[in-house]
Amino acid sequence: MRGKWLECRGIQVMVSYHPSYLLRPYNQDAKREAWEDLKKVLHFVYD
């Protein structure tokens, strides 16, 4: 479900990683994916 737009009670939402998961040193790929998710959200909000 991560990285995809979903609708919950009429609101667009995107699932991503929990911040504490991203702080662990072995999750470099997850950090990259979370950044891509955040860019999608910012693009949705500001465009």
Foldseek 3Di string as FASTA:
>chain_A
DALDWDADPRDTDHDADDVVVVPDPVPPVSVVSVVVSVVVVVVVVPD
